[in-house]
Amino acid sequence: MVKISYTRNLTAVFHGTFGAQVFASPTDRTNYGRSVLAKDPNNNGSLGIAISEAVEVAATSGGVKNTAWAPC
């Protein structure tokens, strides 16, 4: 979820109620997210960054679903 949205609404809380983990993007959990944060640690994120991170996770998951990565 885009960081600015993550901090401004209760969507992450709602998803957490049902057991999902939601991470503010950019995150340190992906190579792309780490590269964005290295350039600007206070980056509020964008839809493009969130999608890039989701694609990276999907491409490197080996086809395994991981509930720790539930893109919003």
N, C-alpha and C. Protein backbone atom coordinates (compact mmCIF):
# COMPACT_ATOMS: atom_id res chain seq x y z
N MET A 1 0.85 -1.16 0.00
CA MET A 1 0.00 0.00 0.00
C MET A 1 0.90 1.22 0.00
N VAL A 2 0.54 2.23 -0.80
CA VAL A 2 1.31 3.47 -0.86
C VAL A 2 1.38 4.08 0.54
N LYS A 3 2.59 4.45 0.95
CA LYS A 3 2.83 4.90 2.32
C LYS A 3 1.90 6.04 2.74
N ILE A 4 1.69 7.00 1.87
CA ILE A 4 0.86 8.14 2.24
C ILE A 4 -0.58 7.68 2.54
N SER A 5 -1.07 6.70 1.80
CA SER A 5 -2.40 6.15 2.06
C SER A 5 -2.40 5.31 3.33
N TYR A 6 -1.33 4.57 3.52
CA TYR A 6 -1.19 3.71 4.70
C TYR A 6 -1.30 4.52 5.99
N THR A 7 -0.71 5.71 5.98
CA THR A 7 -0.70 6.52 7.20
C THR A 7 -1.96 7.36 7.37
N ARG A 8 -2.78 7.47 6.33
CA ARG A 8 -3.95 8.36 6.40
C ARG A 8 -5.29 7.65 6.54
N ASN A 9 -5.34 6.36 6.41
CA ASN A 9 -6.64 5.70 6.54
C ASN A 9 -6.52 4.38 7.29
N LEU A 10 -7.62 3.75 7.49
CA LEU A 10 -7.66 2.54 8.31
C LEU A 10 -7.69 1.24 7.51
N THR A 11 -7.37 1.32 6.22
CA THR A 11 -7.41 0.13 5.38
C THR A 11 -6.50 -0.96 5.93
N ALA A 12 -5.28 -0.60 6.33
CA ALA A 12 -4.35 -1.59 6.86
C ALA A 12 -4.90 -2.24 8.12
N VAL A 13 -5.55 -1.46 8.96
CA VAL A 13 -6.16 -2.00 10.18
C VAL A 13 -7.27 -2.98 9.81
N PHE A 14 -8.09 -2.60 8.83
CA PHE A 14 -9.17 -3.47 8.37
C PHE A 14 -8.62 -4.79 7.85
N HIS A 15 -7.59 -4.75 7.02
CA HIS A 15 -6.99 -5.98 6.49
C HIS A 15 -6.38 -6.81 7.63
N GLY A 16 -5.76 -6.14 8.59
CA GLY A 16 -5.16 -6.83 9.72
C GLY A 16 -6.18 -7.57 10.56
N THR A 17 -7.40 -7.05 10.59
CA THR A 17 -8.48 -7.71 11.32
C THR A 17 -8.72 -9.12 10.78
N PHE A 18 -8.46 -9.30 9.49
CA PHE A 18 -8.69 -10.60 8.85
C PHE A 18 -7.39 -11.38 8.65
N GLY A 19 -6.32 -10.95 9.34
CA GLY A 19 -5.08 -11.71 9.33
C GLY A 19 -4.08 -11.31 8.27
N ALA A 20 -4.38 -10.32 7.44
CA ALA A 20 -3.44 -9.91 6.40
C ALA A 20 -2.40 -8.97 7.00
N GLN A 21 -1.22 -9.01 6.41
CA GLN A 21 -0.18 -8.05 6.76
C GLN A 21 -0.09 -7.06 5.61
N VAL A 22 -0.12 -5.78 5.92
CA VAL A 22 -0.03 -4.73 4.91
C VAL A 22 1.20 -3.90 5.24
N PHE A 23 2.00 -3.63 4.21
CA PHE A 23 3.23 -2.88 4.40
C PHE A 23 3.15 -1.58 3.63
N ALA A 24 3.67 -0.52 4.24
CA ALA A 24 3.72 0.77 3.57
C ALA A 24 4.83 0.73 2.52
N SER A 25 4.50 1.13 1.30
CA SER A 25 5.47 1.15 0.20
C SER A 25 5.93 2.57 -0.03
N PRO A 26 7.22 2.81 -0.15
CA PRO A 26 8.29 1.82 -0.31
C PRO A 26 8.66 1.15 1.01
N THR A 27 9.06 -0.11 0.89
CA THR A 27 9.40 -0.91 2.05
C THR A 27 10.83 -1.43 1.92
N ASP A 28 11.40 -1.82 3.02
CA ASP A 28 12.75 -2.41 2.98
C ASP A 28 12.68 -3.91 2.70
N ARG A 29 11.53 -4.41 2.32
CA ARG A 29 11.35 -5.84 2.06
C ARG A 29 11.62 -6.24 0.62
N THR A 30 11.84 -5.25 -0.26
CA THR A 30 12.16 -5.56 -1.66
C THR A 30 13.41 -4.79 -2.07
N ASN A 31 14.08 -5.30 -3.12
CA ASN A 31 15.26 -4.60 -3.63
C ASN A 31 14.88 -3.21 -4.14
N TYR A 32 13.77 -3.14 -4.88
CA TYR A 32 13.37 -1.85 -5.42
C TYR A 32 13.00 -0.86 -4.30
N GLY A 33 12.28 -1.32 -3.32
CA GLY A 33 11.91 -0.47 -2.19
C GLY A 33 13.14 0.04 -1.46
N ARG A 34 14.12 -0.85 -1.25
CA ARG A 34 15.36 -0.43 -0.59
C ARG A 34 16.09 0.62 -1.42
N SER A 35 16.08 0.48 -2.75
CA SER A 35 16.77 1.46 -3.60
C SER A 35 16.08 2.82 -3.54
N VAL A 36 14.75 2.82 -3.48
CA VAL A 36 14.01 4.08 -3.36
C VAL A 36 14.30 4.73 -2.02
N LEU A 37 14.29 3.95 -0.96
CA LEU A 37 14.54 4.49 0.38
C LEU A 37 15.99 4.96 0.54
N ALA A 38 16.92 4.34 -0.18
CA ALA A 38 18.31 4.77 -0.10
C ALA A 38 18.46 6.17 -0.68
N LYS A 39 17.69 6.47 -1.74
CA LYS A 39 17.74 7.80 -2.36
C LYS A 39 16.99 8.84 -1.53
N ASP A 40 15.88 8.42 -0.92
CA ASP A 40 15.06 9.35 -0.15
C ASP A 40 14.36 8.59 0.98
N PRO A 41 14.96 8.57 2.17
CA PRO A 41 14.38 7.82 3.29
C PRO A 41 12.98 8.28 3.70
N ASN A 42 12.59 9.49 3.34
CA ASN A 42 11.27 10.02 3.70
C ASN A 42 10.27 9.94 2.56
N ASN A 43 10.56 9.14 1.56
CA ASN A 43 9.69 9.02 0.39
C ASN A 43 8.30 8.56 0.82
N ASN A 44 7.26 9.27 0.37
CA ASN A 44 5.88 8.93 0.72
C ASN A 44 5.29 7.86 -0.19
N GLY A 45 6.03 7.43 -1.18
CA GLY A 45 5.57 6.39 -2.06
C GLY A 45 4.70 6.90 -3.18
N SER A 46 4.40 6.00 -4.10
CA SER A 46 3.52 6.29 -5.23
C SER A 46 2.92 4.97 -5.69
N LEU A 47 1.90 5.07 -6.50
CA LEU A 47 1.29 3.84 -7.02
C LEU A 47 2.30 3.07 -7.86
N GLY A 48 3.14 3.78 -8.60
CA GLY A 48 4.16 3.12 -9.43
C GLY A 48 5.15 2.34 -8.59
N ILE A 49 5.58 2.91 -7.48
CA ILE A 49 6.53 2.21 -6.59
C ILE A 49 5.85 0.98 -6.00
N ALA A 50 4.62 1.13 -5.53
CA ALA A 50 3.90 -0.01 -4.94
C ALA A 50 3.71 -1.13 -5.95
N ILE A 51 3.37 -0.78 -7.19
CA ILE A 51 3.20 -1.80 -8.23
C ILE A 51 4.54 -2.46 -8.54
N SER A 52 5.61 -1.66 -8.63
CA SER A 52 6.93 -2.23 -8.89
C SER A 52 7.34 -3.22 -7.81
N GLU A 53 7.04 -2.89 -6.56
CA GLU A 53 7.35 -3.82 -5.48
C GLU A 53 6.50 -5.09 -5.57
N ALA A 54 5.23 -4.93 -5.90
CA ALA A 54 4.35 -6.10 -6.02
C ALA A 54 4.81 -7.01 -7.15
N VAL A 55 5.22 -6.41 -8.27
CA VAL A 55 5.71 -7.21 -9.40
C VAL A 55 7.00 -7.93 -9.02
N GLU A 56 7.90 -7.25 -8.30
CA GLU A 56 9.14 -7.89 -7.85
C GLU A 56 8.84 -9.10 -6.97
N VAL A 57 7.92 -8.93 -6.04
CA VAL A 57 7.57 -10.04 -5.14
C VAL A 57 6.98 -11.20 -5.94
N ALA A 58 6.08 -10.89 -6.87
CA ALA A 58 5.46 -11.94 -7.68
C ALA A 58 6.50 -12.65 -8.55
N ALA A 59 7.42 -11.89 -9.12
CA ALA A 59 8.42 -12.47 -10.02
C ALA A 59 9.45 -13.31 -9.28
N THR A 60 9.68 -13.03 -8.02
CA THR A 60 10.71 -13.76 -7.27
C THR A 60 10.14 -14.79 -6.30
N SER A 61 8.82 -14.95 -6.31
CA SER A 61 8.20 -15.87 -5.34
C SER A 61 8.27 -17.33 -5.75
N GLY A 62 8.64 -17.59 -7.00
CA GLY A 62 8.68 -18.98 -7.47
C GLY A 62 7.30 -19.60 -7.56
N GLY A 63 6.28 -18.76 -7.70
CA GLY A 63 4.92 -19.25 -7.82
C GLY A 63 4.27 -19.59 -6.51
N VAL A 64 4.97 -19.32 -5.40
CA VAL A 64 4.44 -19.61 -4.08
C VAL A 64 3.67 -18.41 -3.56
N LYS A 65 2.45 -18.64 -3.13
CA LYS A 65 1.69 -17.56 -2.52
C LYS A 65 2.22 -17.33 -1.13
N ASN A 66 2.41 -16.07 -0.80
CA ASN A 66 2.90 -15.71 0.51
C ASN A 66 1.94 -14.70 1.10
N THR A 67 1.23 -15.08 2.12
CA THR A 67 0.22 -14.18 2.69
C THR A 67 0.85 -12.97 3.35
N ALA A 68 2.17 -12.99 3.55
CA ALA A 68 2.82 -11.80 4.11
C ALA A 68 2.91 -10.68 3.08
N TRP A 69 2.63 -10.97 1.83
CA TRP A 69 2.65 -9.96 0.76
C TRP A 69 1.26 -9.88 0.16
N ALA A 70 0.42 -9.09 0.76
CA ALA A 70 -0.94 -8.90 0.26
C ALA A 70 -1.06 -7.47 -0.27
N PRO A 71 -0.71 -7.25 -1.56
CA PRO A 71 -0.76 -5.87 -2.07
C PRO A 71 -2.16 -5.31 -2.06
N CYS A 72 -2.28 -4.07 -1.71
CA CYS A 72 -3.57 -3.38 -1.71
C CYS A 72 -3.66 -2.48 -2.90
